[in-house]
PDB file of all heavy atoms in Angstrom:
ATOM      1  N   LEU A   1      56.229  49.449  45.027  1.00  0.00           N
ATOM      2  CA  LEU A   1      57.161  48.556  45.705  1.00  0.00           C
ATOM      3  C   LEU A   1      58.092  47.961  44.654  1.00  0.00           C
ATOM      4  O   LEU A   1      57.651  47.501  43.606  1.00  0.00           O
ATOM      5  CB  LEU A   1      56.411  47.430  46.421  1.00  0.00           C
ATOM      6  CG  LEU A   1      57.256  46.259  46.935  1.00  0.00           C
ATOM      7  CD1 LEU A   1      58.124  46.708  48.091  1.00  0.00           C
ATOM      8  CD2 LEU A   1      56.363  45.092  47.358  1.00  0.00           C
ATOM      9  N   ILE A   2      59.397  47.973  44.942  1.00  0.00           N
ATOM     10  CA  ILE A   2      60.381  47.371  44.041  1.00  0.00           C
ATOM     11  C   ILE A   2      61.260  46.435  44.860  1.00  0.00           C
ATOM     12  O   ILE A   2      61.783  46.816  45.914  1.00  0.00           O
ATOM     13  CB  ILE A   2      61.259  48.435  43.354  1.00  0.00           C
ATOM     14  CG1 ILE A   2      60.402  49.342  42.465  1.00  0.00           C
ATOM     15  CG2 ILE A   2      62.350  47.772  42.516  1.00  0.00           C
ATOM     16  CD1 ILE A   2      61.181  50.462  41.832  1.00  0.00           C
ATOM     17  N   ARG A   3      61.427  45.210  44.350  1.00  0.00           N
ATOM     18  CA  ARG A   3      62.309  44.235  44.981  1.00  0.00           C
ATOM     19  C   ARG A   3      63.365  43.814  43.967  1.00  0.00           C
ATOM     20  O   ARG A   3      63.068  43.673  42.786  1.00  0.00           O
ATOM     21  CB  ARG A   3      61.539  43.017  45.462  1.00  0.00           C
ATOM     22  CG  ARG A   3      60.646  43.294  46.661  1.00  0.00           C
ATOM     23  CD  ARG A   3      59.899  42.062  47.085  1.00  0.00           C
ATOM     24  NE  ARG A   3      59.083  42.303  48.261  1.00  0.00           N
ATOM     25  CZ  ARG A   3      58.200  41.438  48.764  1.00  0.00           C
ATOM     26  NH1 ARG A   3      58.022  40.269  48.175  1.00  0.00           N
ATOM     27  NH2 ARG A   3      57.499  41.751  49.848  1.00  0.00           N
ATOM     28  N   TYR A   4      64.572  43.569  44.447  1.00  0.00           N
ATOM     29  CA  TYR A   4      65.656  43.205  43.546  1.00  0.00           C
ATOM     30  C   TYR A   4      66.623  42.270  44.280  1.00  0.00           C
ATOM     31  O   TYR A   4      66.646  42.199  45.517  1.00  0.00           O
ATOM     32  CB  TYR A   4      66.406  44.448  43.051  1.00  0.00           C
ATOM     33  CG  TYR A   4      66.907  45.338  44.161  1.00  0.00           C
ATOM     34  CD1 TYR A   4      68.158  45.160  44.729  1.00  0.00           C
ATOM     35  CD2 TYR A   4      66.106  46.375  44.660  1.00  0.00           C
ATOM     36  CE1 TYR A   4      68.605  45.976  45.750  1.00  0.00           C
ATOM     37  CE2 TYR A   4      66.546  47.193  45.687  1.00  0.00           C
ATOM     38  CZ  TYR A   4      67.796  46.985  46.230  1.00  0.00           C
ATOM     39  OH  TYR A   4      68.240  47.791  47.249  1.00  0.00           O
ATOM     40  N   GLY A   5      67.398  41.542  43.498  1.00  0.00           N
ATOM     41  CA  GLY A   5      68.366  40.632  44.103  1.00  0.00           C
ATOM     42  C   GLY A   5      69.342  40.101  43.067  1.00  0.00           C
ATOM     43  O   GLY A   5      69.026  40.010  41.881  1.00  0.00           O
ATOM     44  N   VAL A   6      70.520  39.764  43.517  1.00  0.00           N
ATOM     45  CA  VAL A   6      71.534  39.142  42.673  1.00  0.00           C
ATOM     46  C   VAL A   6      72.345  38.184  43.549  1.00  0.00           C
ATOM     47  O   VAL A   6      72.583  38.462  44.732  1.00  0.00           O
ATOM     48  CB  VAL A   6      72.438  40.201  42.002  1.00  0.00           C
ATOM     49  CG1 VAL A   6      73.219  40.986  43.051  1.00  0.00           C
ATOM     50  CG2 VAL A   6      73.389  39.552  41.011  1.00  0.00           C
ATOM     51  N   ARG A   7      72.724  37.042  42.959  1.00  0.00           N
ATOM     52  CA  ARG A   7      73.380  36.016  43.764  1.00  0.00           C
ATOM     53  C   ARG A   7      74.413  35.270  42.925  1.00  0.00           C
ATOM     54  O   ARG A   7      74.211  35.019  41.743  1.00  0.00           O
ATOM     55  CB  ARG A   7      72.338  35.016  44.281  1.00  0.00           C
ATOM     56  CG  ARG A   7      72.928  33.821  45.019  1.00  0.00           C
ATOM     57  CD  ARG A   7      71.840  32.984  45.614  1.00  0.00           C
ATOM     58  NE  ARG A   7      72.377  31.812  46.312  1.00  0.00           N
ATOM     59  CZ  ARG A   7      71.673  31.057  47.142  1.00  0.00           C
ATOM     60  NH1 ARG A   7      70.402  31.344  47.391  1.00  0.00           N
ATOM     61  NH2 ARG A   7      72.221  30.014  47.722  1.00  0.00           N
ATOM     62  N   ASP A   8      75.515  34.912  43.578  1.00  0.00           N
ATOM     63  CA  ASP A   8      76.519  34.040  42.970  1.00  0.00           C
ATOM     64  C   ASP A   8      76.984  33.057  44.033  1.00  0.00           C
ATOM     65  O   ASP A   8      77.236  33.442  45.178  1.00  0.00           O
ATOM     66  CB  ASP A   8      77.711  34.839  42.435  1.00  0.00           C
ATOM     67  CG  ASP A   8      78.740  33.945  41.763  1.00  0.00           C
ATOM     68  OD1 ASP A   8      78.327  32.909  41.204  1.00  0.00           O
ATOM     69  OD2 ASP A   8      79.936  34.260  41.787  1.00  0.00           O
ATOM     70  N   ASP A   9      77.076  31.765  43.671  1.00  0.00           N
ATOM     71  CA  ASP A   9      77.408  30.725  44.634  1.00  0.00           C
ATOM     72  C   ASP A   9      78.812  30.157  44.465  1.00  0.00           C
ATOM     73  O   ASP A   9      79.117  29.108  45.028  1.00  0.00           O
ATOM     74  CB  ASP A   9      76.396  29.573  44.539  1.00  0.00           C
ATOM     75  CG  ASP A   9      75.024  29.980  45.050  1.00  0.00           C
ATOM     76  OD1 ASP A   9      74.968  30.684  46.067  1.00  0.00           O
ATOM     77  OD2 ASP A   9      74.025  29.609  44.416  1.00  0.00           O
ATOM     78  N   ASN A  10      79.661  30.853  43.695  1.00  0.00           N
ATOM     79  CA  ASN A  10      81.008  30.305  43.525  1.00  0.00           C
ATOM     80  C   ASN A  10      82.019  31.421  43.268  1.00  0.00           C
ATOM     81  O   ASN A  10      82.713  31.423  42.258  1.00  0.00           O
ATOM     82  CB  ASN A  10      81.031  29.286  42.382  1.00  0.00           C
ATOM     83  CG  ASN A  10      82.332  28.513  42.333  1.00  0.00           C
ATOM     84  OD1 ASN A  10      83.111  28.502  43.285  1.00  0.00           O
ATOM     85  ND2 ASN A  10      82.584  27.871  41.207  1.00  0.00           N
ATOM     86  N   LEU A  11      82.100  32.337  44.181  1.00  0.00           N
ATOM     87  CA  LEU A  11      83.087  33.399  44.042  1.00  0.00           C
ATOM     88  C   LEU A  11      84.481  32.869  44.366  1.00  0.00           C
ATOM     89  O   LEU A  11      84.652  32.002  45.239  1.00  0.00           O
ATOM     90  CB  LEU A  11      82.752  34.563  44.966  1.00  0.00           C
ATOM     91  CG  LEU A  11      81.558  35.433  44.542  1.00  0.00           C
ATOM     92  CD1 LEU A  11      81.207  36.408  45.647  1.00  0.00           C
ATOM     93  CD2 LEU A  11      81.871  36.176  43.249  1.00  0.00           C
ATOM     94  N   PHE A  12      85.475  33.383  43.654  1.00  0.00           N
ATOM     95  CA  PHE A  12      86.894  33.065  43.868  1.00  0.00           C
ATOM     96  C   PHE A  12      87.196  31.581  43.666  1.00  0.00           C
ATOM     97  O   PHE A  12      88.229  31.092  44.126  1.00  0.00           O
ATOM     98  CB  PHE A  12      87.353  33.511  45.259  1.00  0.00           C
ATOM     99  CG  PHE A  12      86.981  34.914  45.591  1.00  0.00           C
ATOM    100  CD1 PHE A  12      86.130  35.191  46.651  1.00  0.00           C
ATOM    101  CD2 PHE A  12      87.457  35.977  44.832  1.00  0.00           C
ATOM    102  CE1 PHE A  12      85.784  36.497  46.964  1.00  0.00           C
ATOM    103  CE2 PHE A  12      87.114  37.281  45.142  1.00  0.00           C
ATOM    104  CZ  PHE A  12      86.275  37.548  46.203  1.00  0.00           C
ATOM    105  N   GLY A  13      86.299  30.859  42.991  1.00  0.00           N
ATOM    106  CA  GLY A  13      86.518  29.440  42.765  1.00  0.00           C
ATOM    107  C   GLY A  13      86.518  28.609  44.032  1.00  0.00           C
ATOM    108  O   GLY A  13      86.932  27.454  44.030  1.00  0.00           O
ATOM    109  N   ARG A  14      86.023  29.191  45.128  1.00  0.00           N
ATOM    110  CA  ARG A  14      86.082  28.545  46.443  1.00  0.00           C
ATOM    111  C   ARG A  14      84.691  28.156  46.952  1.00  0.00           C
ATOM    112  O   ARG A  14      84.547  27.583  48.006  1.00  0.00           O
ATOM    113  CB  ARG A  14      86.762  29.514  47.417  1.00  0.00           C
ATOM    114  CG  ARG A  14      86.709  29.201  48.897  1.00  0.00           C
ATOM    115  CD  ARG A  14      87.339  27.848  49.227  1.00  0.00           C
ATOM    116  NE  ARG A  14      87.324  27.595  50.655  1.00  0.00           N
ATOM    117  CZ  ARG A  14      86.271  27.158  51.332  1.00  0.00           C
ATOM    118  NH1 ARG A  14      85.126  26.907  50.707  1.00  0.00           N
ATOM    119  NH2 ARG A  14      86.332  26.941  52.642  1.00  0.00           N
ATOM    120  N   GLY A  15      83.658  28.458  46.153  1.00  0.00           N
ATOM    121  CA  GLY A  15      82.304  28.153  46.589  1.00  0.00           C
ATOM    122  C   GLY A  15      81.711  29.196  47.504  1.00  0.00           C
ATOM    123  O   GLY A  15      80.679  28.946  48.137  1.00  0.00           O
ATOM    124  N   LEU A  16      82.343  30.379  47.588  1.00  0.00           N
ATOM    125  CA  LEU A  16      81.802  31.455  48.409  1.00  0.00           C
ATOM    126  C   LEU A  16      80.492  31.937  47.804  1.00  0.00           C
ATOM    127  O   LEU A  16      80.433  32.336  46.637  1.00  0.00           O
ATOM    128  CB  LEU A  16      82.794  32.606  48.502  1.00  0.00           C
ATOM    129  CG  LEU A  16      82.292  33.868  49.230  1.00  0.00           C
ATOM    130  CD1 LEU A  16      81.970  33.564  50.691  1.00  0.00           C
ATOM    131  CD2 LEU A  16      83.316  34.990  49.122  1.00  0.00           C
ATOM    132  N   SER A  17      79.435  31.911  48.596  1.00  0.00           N
ATOM    133  CA  SER A  17      78.115  32.335  48.143  1.00  0.00           C
ATOM    134  C   SER A  17      77.836  33.743  48.660  1.00  0.00           C
ATOM    135  O   SER A  17      77.950  34.016  49.861  1.00  0.00           O
ATOM    136  CB  SER A  17      77.035  31.367  48.647  1.00  0.00           C
ATOM    137  OG  SER A  17      75.743  31.827  48.285  1.00  0.00           O
ATOM    138  N   LEU A  18      77.472  34.641  47.721  1.00  0.00           N
ATOM    139  CA  LEU A  18      77.155  36.023  48.077  1.00  0.00           C
ATOM    140  C   LEU A  18      75.778  36.342  47.509  1.00  0.00           C
ATOM    141  O   LEU A  18      75.537  36.197  46.305  1.00  0.00           O
ATOM    142  CB  LEU A  18      78.200  36.974  47.501  1.00  0.00           C
ATOM    143  CG  LEU A  18      78.364  38.330  48.209  1.00  0.00           C
ATOM    144  CD1 LEU A  18      78.796  38.126  49.656  1.00  0.00           C
ATOM    145  CD2 LEU A  18      79.371  39.195  47.470  1.00  0.00           C
ATOM    146  N   ASN A  19      74.871  36.772  48.372  1.00  0.00           N
ATOM    147  CA  ASN A  19      73.477  36.975  47.979  1.00  0.00           C
ATOM    148  C   ASN A  19      73.049  38.376  48.428  1.00  0.00           C
ATOM    149  O   ASN A  19      72.968  38.657  49.628  1.00  0.00           O
ATOM    150  CB  ASN A  19      72.598  35.910  48.632  1.00  0.00           C
ATOM    151  CG  ASN A  19      71.163  35.964  48.137  1.00  0.00           C
ATOM    152  OD1 ASN A  19      70.816  36.791  47.290  1.00  0.00           O
ATOM    153  ND2 ASN A  19      70.319  35.098  48.667  1.00  0.00           N
ATOM    154  N   LEU A  20      72.801  39.256  47.468  1.00  0.00           N
ATOM    155  CA  LEU A  20      72.347  40.627  47.746  1.00  0.00           C
ATOM    156  C   LEU A  20      70.867  40.726  47.432  1.00  0.00           C
ATOM    157  O   LEU A  20      70.427  40.408  46.318  1.00  0.00           O
ATOM    158  CB  LEU A  20      73.130  41.629  46.902  1.00  0.00           C
ATOM    159  CG  LEU A  20      72.676  43.097  46.994  1.00  0.00           C
ATOM    160  CD1 LEU A  20      72.941  43.644  48.401  1.00  0.00           C
ATOM    161  CD2 LEU A  20      73.376  43.946  45.940  1.00  0.00           C
ATOM    162  N   ARG A  21      70.088  41.181  48.422  1.00  0.00           N
ATOM    163  CA  ARG A  21      68.642  41.336  48.233  1.00  0.00           C
ATOM    164  C   ARG A  21      68.222  42.683  48.796  1.00  0.00           C
ATOM    165  O   ARG A  21      68.751  43.140  49.815  1.00  0.00           O
ATOM    166  CB  ARG A  21      67.864  40.213  48.923  1.00  0.00           C
ATOM    167  CG  ARG A  21      68.295  38.828  48.496  1.00  0.00           C
ATOM    168  CD  ARG A  21      67.512  37.757  49.210  1.00  0.00           C
ATOM    169  NE  ARG A  21      66.109  37.767  48.824  1.00  0.00           N
ATOM    170  CZ  ARG A  21      65.631  37.126  47.761  1.00  0.00           C
ATOM    171  NH1 ARG A  21      66.448  36.425  46.994  1.00  0.00           N
ATOM    172  NH2 ARG A  21      64.347  37.167  47.470  1.00  0.00           N
ATOM    173  N   GLY A  22      67.291  43.315  48.126  1.00  0.00           N
ATOM    174  CA  GLY A  22      66.850  44.630  48.578  1.00  0.00           C
ATOM    175  C   GLY A  22      65.386  44.880  48.265  1.00  0.00           C
ATOM    176  O   GLY A  22      64.775  44.213  47.419  1.00  0.00           O
ATOM    177  N   GLN A  23      64.840  45.871  48.979  1.00  0.00           N
ATOM    178  CA  GLN A  23      63.445  46.263  48.764  1.00  0.00           C
ATOM    179  C   GLN A  23      63.322  47.775  48.967  1.00  0.00           C
ATOM    180  O   GLN A  23      63.832  48.316  49.960  1.00  0.00           O
ATOM    181  CB  GLN A  23      62.524  45.510  49.733  1.00  0.00           C
ATOM    182  CG  GLN A  23      61.071  45.953  49.673  1.00  0.00           C
ATOM    183  CD  GLN A  23      60.194  45.148  50.605  1.00  0.00           C
ATOM    184  OE1 GLN A  23      60.077  43.943  50.468  1.00  0.00           O
ATOM    185  NE2 GLN A  23      59.581  45.822  51.586  1.00  0.00           N
ATOM    186  N   TRP A  24      62.666  48.419  48.005  1.00  0.00           N
ATOM    187  CA  TRP A  24      62.395  49.865  48.130  1.00  0.00           C
ATOM    188  C   TRP A  24      60.902  50.072  48.111  1.00  0.00           C
ATOM    189  O   TRP A  24      60.176  49.524  47.275  1.00  0.00           O
ATOM    190  CB  TRP A  24      63.038  50.621  46.971  1.00  0.00           C
ATOM    191  CG  TRP A  24      62.685  52.089  46.990  1.00  0.00           C
ATOM    192  CD1 TRP A  24      63.341  53.077  47.635  1.00  0.00           C
ATOM    193  CD2 TRP A  24      61.559  52.696  46.346  1.00  0.00           C
ATOM    194  NE1 TRP A  24      62.719  54.279  47.451  1.00  0.00           N
ATOM    195  CE2 TRP A  24      61.601  54.081  46.653  1.00  0.00           C
ATOM    196  CE3 TRP A  24      60.516  52.219  45.559  1.00  0.00           C
ATOM    197  CZ2 TRP A  24      60.638  54.978  46.202  1.00  0.00           C
ATOM    198  CZ3 TRP A  24      59.552  53.104  45.104  1.00  0.00           C
ATOM    199  CH2 TRP A  24      59.625  54.472  45.415  1.00  0.00           C
ATOM    200  N   GLN A  25      60.441  50.892  49.074  1.00  0.00           N
ATOM    201  CA  GLN A  25      59.036  51.251  49.144  1.00  0.00           C
ATOM    202  C   GLN A  25      58.942  52.641  49.746  1.00  0.00           C
ATOM    203  O   GLN A  25      59.911  53.153  50.318  1.00  0.00           O
ATOM    204  CB  GLN A  25      58.277  50.228  50.015  1.00  0.00           C
ATOM    205  CG  GLN A  25      56.778  50.254  49.832  1.00  0.00           C
ATOM    206  CD  GLN A  25      56.107  49.064  50.525  1.00  0.00           C
ATOM    207  OE1 GLN A  25      56.720  48.350  51.289  1.00  0.00           O
ATOM    208  NE2 GLN A  25      54.822  48.874  50.242  1.00  0.00           N
TER     209      GLN A  25
END
């Protein structure tokens, strides 16, 4: 099982939050 994720809470200087999460099994 592999889990991964990456997140940023301030894209474009506007506070846009983008959260990518994934799981492979």
